[in-house]
Amino acid sequence: MSRIEIFNSEGFRHDGRRFDELRNFTCTIGDHPNLDGSSSVKLGATKVSCMVVGPYNGPPRLNFSIDVTPFSTFERQARKNEKRLQELQSLLVTSFTSACATAELPGTIDVRIQVLAQDGGLVSACTNAATLALIDAGIPMKDYICACSAGIYDTTPFLDLSNAEETDLSFLTIGALGNDSDVLMLLLENKIPADHLPVVMDMALSGTQLVRQVMDDTVRYYTQQRLAKRKLTGL
């Protein structure tokens, strides 16, 4: 896709968004009530589900696995896929181990992420889905880990890049802990000029707060629903 198509003279991106607009972001928790925790996240056309099993007998640690379905639009180069997924799994283990005080866990917890559709923002979607599924499983966390990407087009920062934009632009993904924007995760996908880096990071951090609000609203909604159901059933 050419740069003209990515950002036009009227200030709109190829999908009709302004430079600082987030794609439509929706999420749910408790999708699989037979599991200890579960969630699903939609970020534009990207869709990810997450399942948590545990804790079960074993050392106090988090295990992450990511599976990409054959029908997703994820890149199909096997070696590149495998390396990228391994890097992402390692990044998630490091970030969530810090946020979950893993040493205090009563056993091992498996976090299984399934990528159902991919149109940019893969790291963000996986991170946000894992946060929600762990909360649904009742795993103690210091706060939400909320992630969002940002990139640079000439001198204009872009929030939450689509796949077409990721292909053409330099970008990064930030995972922030809570409202204080304590950065736990920073993944730089390619080179960003040093003079542009602060504005791109600020843009990504602003996106994490937008994401956090949606996630918090979702958790509160489902918590209220469950409490109401317990009152009705007397449980």
C-alpha atoms as a PDB file:
ATOM      1  CA  MET A   1       0.000   0.000   0.000  1.00  0.00           C
ATOM      2  CA  SER A   2       1.426   3.415  -0.893  1.00  0.00           C
ATOM      3  CA  ARG A   3       1.853   6.208   1.600  1.00  0.00           C
ATOM      4  CA  ILE A   4      -0.757   8.294  -0.250  1.00  0.00           C
ATOM      5  CA  GLU A   5      -3.346   5.639   0.523  1.00  0.00           C
ATOM      6  CA  ILE A   6      -2.282   5.370   4.163  1.00  0.00           C
ATOM      7  CA  PHE A   7      -2.816   9.069   4.969  1.00  0.00           C
ATOM      8  CA  ASN A   8      -4.597  11.499   2.692  1.00  0.00           C
ATOM      9  CA  SER A   9      -4.483  15.272   2.453  1.00  0.00           C
ATOM     10  CA  GLU A  10      -7.680  15.607   4.501  1.00  0.00           C
ATOM     11  CA  GLY A  11      -6.081  13.949   7.503  1.00  0.00           C
ATOM     12  CA  PHE A  12      -7.743  10.546   7.278  1.00  0.00           C
ATOM     13  CA  ARG A  13      -6.031   7.180   7.349  1.00  0.00           C
ATOM     14  CA  HIS A  14      -6.808   4.416   4.859  1.00  0.00           C
ATOM     15  CA  ASP A  15      -9.613   3.065   7.100  1.00  0.00           C
ATOM     16  CA  GLY A  16     -11.212   6.449   7.770  1.00  0.00           C
ATOM     17  CA  ARG A  17      -9.647   7.108  11.180  1.00  0.00           C
ATOM     18  CA  ARG A  18      -7.865  10.212  12.356  1.00  0.00           C
ATOM     19  CA  PHE A  19      -4.239   9.824  13.420  1.00  0.00           C
ATOM     20  CA  ASP A  20      -5.133   9.470  17.115  1.00  0.00           C
ATOM     21  CA  GLU A  21      -8.176   7.194  16.835  1.00  0.00           C
ATOM     22  CA  LEU A  22      -8.334   3.657  18.190  1.00  0.00           C
ATOM     23  CA  ARG A  23     -10.001   0.956  16.116  1.00  0.00           C
ATOM     24  CA  ASN A  24     -13.212  -0.493  17.486  1.00  0.00           C
ATOM     25  CA  PHE A  25     -12.170  -2.377  20.633  1.00  0.00           C
ATOM     26  CA  THR A  26     -14.523  -4.837  22.342  1.00  0.00           C
ATOM     27  CA  CYS A  27     -13.905  -7.588  24.848  1.00  0.00           C
ATOM     28  CA  THR A  28     -15.694 -10.219  26.920  1.00  0.00           C
ATOM     29  CA  ILE A  29     -14.771 -12.489  29.814  1.00  0.00           C
ATOM     30  CA  GLY A  30     -16.069 -15.868  30.927  1.00  0.00           C
ATOM     31  CA  ASP A  31     -16.653 -17.117  27.384  1.00  0.00           C
ATOM     32  CA  HIS A  32     -15.832 -20.671  28.524  1.00  0.00           C
ATOM     33  CA  PRO A  33     -17.404 -21.181  31.960  1.00  0.00           C
ATOM     34  CA  ASN A  34     -15.960 -24.686  32.224  1.00  0.00           C
ATOM     35  CA  LEU A  35     -12.441 -23.218  32.335  1.00  0.00           C
ATOM     36  CA  ASP A  36     -10.768 -21.380  35.199  1.00  0.00           C
ATOM     37  CA  GLY A  37     -10.682 -18.187  33.156  1.00  0.00           C
ATOM     38  CA  SER A  38     -11.358 -17.041  29.609  1.00  0.00           C
ATOM     39  CA  SER A  39     -11.738 -13.956  27.462  1.00  0.00           C
ATOM     40  CA  SER A  40     -12.031 -12.718  23.908  1.00  0.00           C
ATOM     41  CA  VAL A  41     -10.801  -9.495  22.364  1.00  0.00           C
ATOM     42  CA  LYS A  42     -11.631  -7.805  19.079  1.00  0.00           C
ATOM     43  CA  LEU A  43      -9.417  -4.967  17.883  1.00  0.00           C
ATOM     44  CA  GLY A  44     -10.632  -3.872  14.505  1.00  0.00           C
ATOM     45  CA  ALA A  45     -10.537  -7.041  12.413  1.00  0.00           C
ATOM     46  CA  THR A  46      -8.075  -8.733  14.770  1.00  0.00           C
ATOM     47  CA  LYS A  47      -9.661 -11.329  17.041  1.00  0.00           C
ATOM     48  CA  VAL A  48      -8.012 -13.256  19.874  1.00  0.00           C
ATOM     49  CA  SER A  49      -9.350 -15.623  22.521  1.00  0.00           C
ATOM     50  CA  CYS A  50      -7.585 -16.621  25.717  1.00  0.00           C
ATOM     51  CA  MET A  51      -8.071 -19.539  28.118  1.00  0.00           C
ATOM     52  CA  VAL A  52      -6.538 -19.968  31.567  1.00  0.00           C
ATOM     53  CA  VAL A  53      -6.091 -23.335  33.276  1.00  0.00           C
ATOM     54  CA  GLY A  54      -4.845 -23.527  36.854  1.00  0.00           C
ATOM     55  CA  PRO A  55      -3.348 -23.163  39.233  1.00  0.00           C
ATOM     56  CA  TYR A  56      -2.519 -26.869  39.351  1.00  0.00           C
ATOM     57  CA  ASN A  57       0.233 -28.852  41.062  1.00  0.00           C
ATOM     58  CA  GLY A  58       3.593 -27.562  39.945  1.00  0.00           C
ATOM     59  CA  PRO A  59       6.066 -24.740  40.531  1.00  0.00           C
ATOM     60  CA  PRO A  60       4.572 -21.239  40.923  1.00  0.00           C
ATOM     61  CA  ARG A  61       4.889 -19.929  37.383  1.00  0.00           C
ATOM     62  CA  LEU A  62       3.001 -18.777  34.305  1.00  0.00           C
ATOM     63  CA  ASN A  63       3.175 -20.708  31.039  1.00  0.00           C
ATOM     64  CA  PHE A  64       2.112 -18.980  27.822  1.00  0.00           C
ATOM     65  CA  SER A  65       1.302 -20.621  24.511  1.00  0.00           C
ATOM     66  CA  ILE A  66       0.034 -18.962  21.342  1.00  0.00           C
ATOM     67  CA  ASP A  67      -1.713 -20.807  18.538  1.00  0.00           C
ATOM     68  CA  VAL A  68      -2.468 -19.194  15.192  1.00  0.00           C
ATOM     69  CA  THR A  69      -5.435 -20.734  13.391  1.00  0.00           C
ATOM     70  CA  PRO A  70      -4.864 -21.703   9.737  1.00  0.00           C
ATOM     71  CA  PHE A  71      -7.670 -19.399   8.595  1.00  0.00           C
ATOM     72  CA  SER A  72      -6.288 -16.265  10.245  1.00  0.00           C
ATOM     73  CA  THR A  73      -4.599 -13.661   8.061  1.00  0.00           C
ATOM     74  CA  PHE A  74      -1.360 -13.946  10.004  1.00  0.00           C
ATOM     75  CA  GLU A  75       1.830 -14.105   7.922  1.00  0.00           C
ATOM     76  CA  ARG A  76       2.243 -17.586   6.504  1.00  0.00           C
ATOM     77  CA  GLN A  77       6.040 -17.839   6.484  1.00  0.00           C
ATOM     78  CA  ALA A  78       6.564 -20.697   8.911  1.00  0.00           C
ATOM     79  CA  ARG A  79      10.003 -19.856  10.266  1.00  0.00           C
ATOM     80  CA  LYS A  80       9.197 -16.199  10.713  1.00  0.00           C
ATOM     81  CA  ASN A  81       5.914 -17.100  12.404  1.00  0.00           C
ATOM     82  CA  GLU A  82       7.553 -19.505  14.814  1.00  0.00           C
ATOM     83  CA  LYS A  83      10.283 -17.074  15.827  1.00  0.00           C
ATOM     84  CA  ARG A  84       7.851 -14.187  16.282  1.00  0.00           C
ATOM     85  CA  LEU A  85       5.484 -16.282  18.394  1.00  0.00           C
ATOM     86  CA  GLN A  86       8.330 -17.511  20.585  1.00  0.00           C
ATOM     87  CA  GLU A  87       9.446 -13.925  21.157  1.00  0.00           C
ATOM     88  CA  LEU A  88       5.903 -12.862  21.998  1.00  0.00           C
ATOM     89  CA  GLN A  89       5.420 -15.768  24.414  1.00  0.00           C
ATOM     90  CA  SER A  90       8.663 -14.862  26.190  1.00  0.00           C
ATOM     91  CA  LEU A  91       7.618 -11.211  26.372  1.00  0.00           C
ATOM     92  CA  LEU A  92       4.255 -12.106  27.882  1.00  0.00           C
ATOM     93  CA  VAL A  93       5.810 -14.425  30.472  1.00  0.00           C
ATOM     94  CA  THR A  94       8.200 -11.689  31.604  1.00  0.00           C
ATOM     95  CA  SER A  95       5.518  -8.990  31.766  1.00  0.00           C
ATOM     96  CA  PHE A  96       2.826 -11.012  33.513  1.00  0.00           C
ATOM     97  CA  THR A  97       5.268 -12.653  35.930  1.00  0.00           C
ATOM     98  CA  SER A  98       6.028  -9.156  37.183  1.00  0.00           C
ATOM     99  CA  ALA A  99       2.374  -8.098  37.354  1.00  0.00           C
ATOM    100  CA  CYS A 100       1.074 -11.275  39.002  1.00  0.00           C
ATOM    101  CA  ALA A 101       3.663 -11.725  41.797  1.00  0.00           C
ATOM    102  CA  THR A 102       4.243 -15.228  40.478  1.00  0.00           C
ATOM    103  CA  ALA A 103       6.268 -16.426  43.478  1.00  0.00           C
ATOM    104  CA  GLU A 104       3.098 -16.236  45.578  1.00  0.00           C
ATOM    105  CA  LEU A 105       0.999 -18.360  43.217  1.00  0.00           C
ATOM    106  CA  PRO A 106      -0.207 -21.708  44.609  1.00  0.00           C
ATOM    107  CA  GLY A 107       0.922 -23.603  41.520  1.00  0.00           C
ATOM    108  CA  THR A 108       1.409 -23.494  37.759  1.00  0.00           C
ATOM    109  CA  ILE A 109      -0.956 -21.537  35.500  1.00  0.00           C
ATOM    110  CA  ASP A 110      -1.299 -22.134  31.771  1.00  0.00           C
ATOM    111  CA  VAL A 111      -2.374 -19.215  29.588  1.00  0.00           C
ATOM    112  CA  ARG A 112      -3.413 -20.362  26.124  1.00  0.00           C
ATOM    113  CA  ILE A 113      -3.973 -17.741  23.445  1.00  0.00           C
ATOM    114  CA  GLN A 114      -5.609 -18.457  20.117  1.00  0.00           C
ATOM    115  CA  VAL A 115      -5.343 -16.001  17.237  1.00  0.00           C
ATOM    116  CA  LEU A 116      -8.535 -16.249  15.200  1.00  0.00           C
ATOM    117  CA  ALA A 117      -8.031 -13.279  12.865  1.00  0.00           C
ATOM    118  CA  GLN A 118      -5.123 -10.912  12.420  1.00  0.00           C
ATOM    119  CA  ASP A 119      -5.155  -7.418  10.962  1.00  0.00           C
ATOM    120  CA  GLY A 120      -2.513  -5.656  13.009  1.00  0.00           C
ATOM    121  CA  GLY A 121      -2.115  -5.131  16.737  1.00  0.00           C
ATOM    122  CA  LEU A 122      -1.365  -8.801  17.468  1.00  0.00           C
ATOM    123  CA  VAL A 123       0.796  -8.066  20.523  1.00  0.00           C
ATOM    124  CA  SER A 124      -1.808  -5.671  21.913  1.00  0.00           C
ATOM    125  CA  ALA A 125      -4.684  -8.088  21.424  1.00  0.00           C
ATOM    126  CA  CYS A 126      -2.821 -11.017  23.010  1.00  0.00           C
ATOM    127  CA  THR A 127      -1.740  -8.920  26.000  1.00  0.00           C
ATOM    128  CA  ASN A 128      -5.185  -7.493  26.652  1.00  0.00           C
ATOM    129  CA  ALA A 129      -6.865 -10.883  26.268  1.00  0.00           C
ATOM    130  CA  ALA A 130      -4.416 -12.477  28.712  1.00  0.00           C
ATOM    131  CA  THR A 131      -5.055  -9.731  31.282  1.00  0.00           C
ATOM    132  CA  LEU A 132      -8.804 -10.285  31.137  1.00  0.00           C
ATOM    133  CA  ALA A 133      -8.587 -14.080  31.260  1.00  0.00           C
ATOM    134  CA  LEU A 134      -6.283 -13.985  34.298  1.00  0.00           C
ATOM    135  CA  ILE A 135      -8.669 -11.592  36.044  1.00  0.00           C
ATOM    136  CA  ASP A 136     -11.543 -13.921  35.195  1.00  0.00           C
ATOM    137  CA  ALA A 137      -9.569 -16.797  36.731  1.00  0.00           C
ATOM    138  CA  GLY A 138      -9.158 -14.826  39.953  1.00  0.00           C
ATOM    139  CA  ILE A 139      -5.373 -14.589  39.681  1.00  0.00           C
ATOM    140  CA  PRO A 140      -4.123 -11.668  41.821  1.00  0.00           C
ATOM    141  CA  MET A 141      -2.608  -8.891  39.715  1.00  0.00           C
ATOM    142  CA  LYS A 142      -1.175  -5.519  40.678  1.00  0.00           C
ATOM    143  CA  ASP A 143      -3.344  -3.903  38.002  1.00  0.00           C
ATOM    144  CA  TYR A 144      -4.413  -4.328  34.400  1.00  0.00           C
ATOM    145  CA  ILE A 145      -1.689  -4.700  31.796  1.00  0.00           C
ATOM    146  CA  CYS A 146      -3.086  -2.798  28.823  1.00  0.00           C
ATOM    147  CA  ALA A 147      -1.297  -2.681  25.483  1.00  0.00           C
ATOM    148  CA  CYS A 148      -1.518  -0.541  22.373  1.00  0.00           C
ATOM    149  CA  SER A 149       0.639   0.146  19.339  1.00  0.00           C
ATOM    150  CA  ALA A 150       1.688   3.415  17.736  1.00  0.00           C
ATOM    151  CA  GLY A 151       3.748   4.308  14.694  1.00  0.00           C
ATOM    152  CA  ILE A 152       5.041   7.254  12.740  1.00  0.00           C
ATOM    153  CA  TYR A 153       4.058   8.519   9.303  1.00  0.00           C
ATOM    154  CA  ASP A 154       6.533  11.228   8.285  1.00  0.00           C
ATOM    155  CA  THR A 155       6.136  13.432  11.400  1.00  0.00           C
ATOM    156  CA  THR A 156       2.609  12.318  12.360  1.00  0.00           C
ATOM    157  CA  PRO A 157       2.146   9.675  15.081  1.00  0.00           C
ATOM    158  CA  PHE A 158      -0.485   7.015  14.389  1.00  0.00           C
ATOM    159  CA  LEU A 159      -2.407   5.197  17.126  1.00  0.00           C
ATOM    160  CA  ASP A 160      -3.231   1.481  16.909  1.00  0.00           C
ATOM    161  CA  LEU A 161      -1.871   0.418  13.530  1.00  0.00           C
ATOM    162  CA  SER A 162      -3.686  -1.913  11.155  1.00  0.00           C
ATOM    163  CA  ASN A 163      -1.799  -4.595   9.257  1.00  0.00           C
ATOM    164  CA  ALA A 164      -1.460  -2.371   6.185  1.00  0.00           C
ATOM    165  CA  GLU A 165       0.078   0.368   8.321  1.00  0.00           C
ATOM    166  CA  GLU A 166       2.389  -2.029  10.167  1.00  0.00           C
ATOM    167  CA  THR A 167       3.699  -3.214   6.811  1.00  0.00           C
ATOM    168  CA  ASP A 168       4.620   0.297   5.689  1.00  0.00           C
ATOM    169  CA  LEU A 169       5.464   2.224   8.859  1.00  0.00           C
ATOM    170  CA  SER A 170       7.833   2.054  11.813  1.00  0.00           C
ATOM    171  CA  PHE A 171       5.969   1.250  15.020  1.00  0.00           C
ATOM    172  CA  LEU A 172       6.151  -0.044  18.571  1.00  0.00           C
ATOM    173  CA  THR A 173       3.840  -1.631  21.134  1.00  0.00           C
ATOM    174  CA  ILE A 174       3.665  -0.612  24.783  1.00  0.00           C
ATOM    175  CA  GLY A 175       2.132  -2.537  27.656  1.00  0.00           C
ATOM    176  CA  ALA A 176       1.352  -0.298  30.632  1.00  0.00           C
ATOM    177  CA  LEU A 177       0.389  -1.239  34.167  1.00  0.00           C
ATOM    178  CA  GLY A 178      -2.685   0.610  35.435  1.00  0.00           C
ATOM    179  CA  ASN A 179      -3.513   4.292  35.289  1.00  0.00           C
ATOM    180  CA  ASP A 180       0.009   5.377  36.177  1.00  0.00           C
ATOM    181  CA  SER A 181       1.274   4.239  32.776  1.00  0.00           C
ATOM    182  CA  ASP A 182       4.073   2.215  34.356  1.00  0.00           C
ATOM    183  CA  VAL A 183       5.598   0.606  31.255  1.00  0.00           C
ATOM    184  CA  LEU A 184       6.087  -3.145  31.692  1.00  0.00           C
ATOM    185  CA  MET A 185       6.412  -3.974  28.006  1.00  0.00           C
ATOM    186  CA  LEU A 186       8.050  -2.166  25.125  1.00  0.00           C
ATOM    187  CA  LEU A 187       8.412  -3.928  21.803  1.00  0.00           C
ATOM    188  CA  LEU A 188      10.065  -1.936  19.021  1.00  0.00           C
ATOM    189  CA  GLU A 189       9.229  -3.641  15.738  1.00  0.00           C
ATOM    190  CA  ASN A 190      11.625  -1.611  13.606  1.00  0.00           C
ATOM    191  CA  LYS A 191      13.738   1.517  13.751  1.00  0.00           C
ATOM    192  CA  ILE A 192      12.111   4.779  14.809  1.00  0.00           C
ATOM    193  CA  PRO A 193      14.195   7.988  14.573  1.00  0.00           C
ATOM    194  CA  ALA A 194      15.264   9.112  18.045  1.00  0.00           C
ATOM    195  CA  ASP A 195      13.620  12.531  17.637  1.00  0.00           C
ATOM    196  CA  HIS A 196      10.260  10.864  16.899  1.00  0.00           C
ATOM    197  CA  LEU A 197      10.426   8.199  19.604  1.00  0.00           C
ATOM    198  CA  PRO A 198       8.993  10.278  22.513  1.00  0.00           C
ATOM    199  CA  VAL A 199       5.879  11.330  20.577  1.00  0.00           C
ATOM    200  CA  VAL A 200       5.259   7.767  19.378  1.00  0.00           C
ATOM    201  CA  MET A 201       5.596   6.423  22.925  1.00  0.00           C
ATOM    202  CA  ASP A 202       3.238   9.093  24.247  1.00  0.00           C
ATOM    203  CA  MET A 203       0.711   8.165  21.570  1.00  0.00           C
ATOM    204  CA  ALA A 204       0.902   4.471  22.487  1.00  0.00           C
ATOM    205  CA  LEU A 205       0.534   5.279  26.201  1.00  0.00           C
ATOM    206  CA  SER A 206      -2.564   7.357  25.497  1.00  0.00           C
ATOM    207  CA  GLY A 207      -3.964   4.322  23.699  1.00  0.00           C
ATOM    208  CA  THR A 208      -3.329   2.038  26.673  1.00  0.00           C
ATOM    209  CA  GLN A 209      -5.516   4.277  28.808  1.00  0.00           C
ATOM    210  CA  LEU A 210      -8.346   4.138  26.277  1.00  0.00           C
ATOM    211  CA  VAL A 211      -8.028   0.353  26.241  1.00  0.00           C
ATOM    212  CA  ARG A 212      -7.929   0.197  30.036  1.00  0.00           C
ATOM    213  CA  GLN A 213     -11.221   2.054  30.325  1.00  0.00           C
ATOM    214  CA  VAL A 214     -12.978  -0.437  28.043  1.00  0.00           C
ATOM    215  CA  MET A 215     -11.439  -3.392  29.878  1.00  0.00           C
ATOM    216  CA  ASP A 216     -12.351  -2.014  33.292  1.00  0.00           C
ATOM    217  CA  ASP A 217     -15.929  -1.339  32.185  1.00  0.00           C
ATOM    218  CA  THR A 218     -16.141  -4.915  30.885  1.00  0.00           C
ATOM    219  CA  VAL A 219     -14.820  -6.461  34.114  1.00  0.00           C
ATOM    220  CA  ARG A 220     -17.212  -4.384  36.208  1.00  0.00           C
ATOM    221  CA  TYR A 221     -20.168  -5.306  33.992  1.00  0.00           C
ATOM    222  CA  TYR A 222     -19.529  -9.039  34.132  1.00  0.00           C
ATOM    223  CA  THR A 223     -18.835  -8.875  37.874  1.00  0.00           C
ATOM    224  CA  GLN A 224     -22.185  -7.206  38.456  1.00  0.00           C
ATOM    225  CA  GLN A 225     -23.908  -9.795  36.259  1.00  0.00           C
ATOM    226  CA  ARG A 226     -22.398 -12.643  38.245  1.00  0.00           C
ATOM    227  CA  LEU A 227     -23.271 -11.073  41.594  1.00  0.00           C
ATOM    228  CA  ALA A 228     -26.858 -10.559  40.452  1.00  0.00           C
ATOM    229  CA  LYS A 229     -27.056 -14.184  39.320  1.00  0.00           C
ATOM    230  CA  ARG A 230     -25.750 -15.430  42.661  1.00  0.00           C
ATOM    231  CA  LYS A 231     -28.378 -13.416  44.522  1.00  0.00           C
ATOM    232  CA  LEU A 232     -31.117 -14.898  42.375  1.00  0.00           C
ATOM    233  CA  THR A 233     -29.901 -18.456  42.835  1.00  0.00           C
ATOM    234  CA  GLY A 234     -29.012 -17.989  46.500  1.00  0.00           C
ATOM    235  CA  LEU A 235     -25.436 -19.167  45.949  1.00  0.00           C
END
